[in-house]
Amino acid sequence: NPDLAQAYRANSWRTAQRAHAPDAVFEVLTEAGQ
């Protein structure tokens, strides 16, 4: 389900931001979103 996958990535992104995740995590999430 593309919508579910997109929502999951968005939620993961927000969670990572709240957790002050390292840049490497954002790079992985960005690549996964492309």
Foldseek 3Di string as FASTA:
>chain_A
DVVVVVVVLVVVVVVCVVVVHDVVVVVVSVVVVD
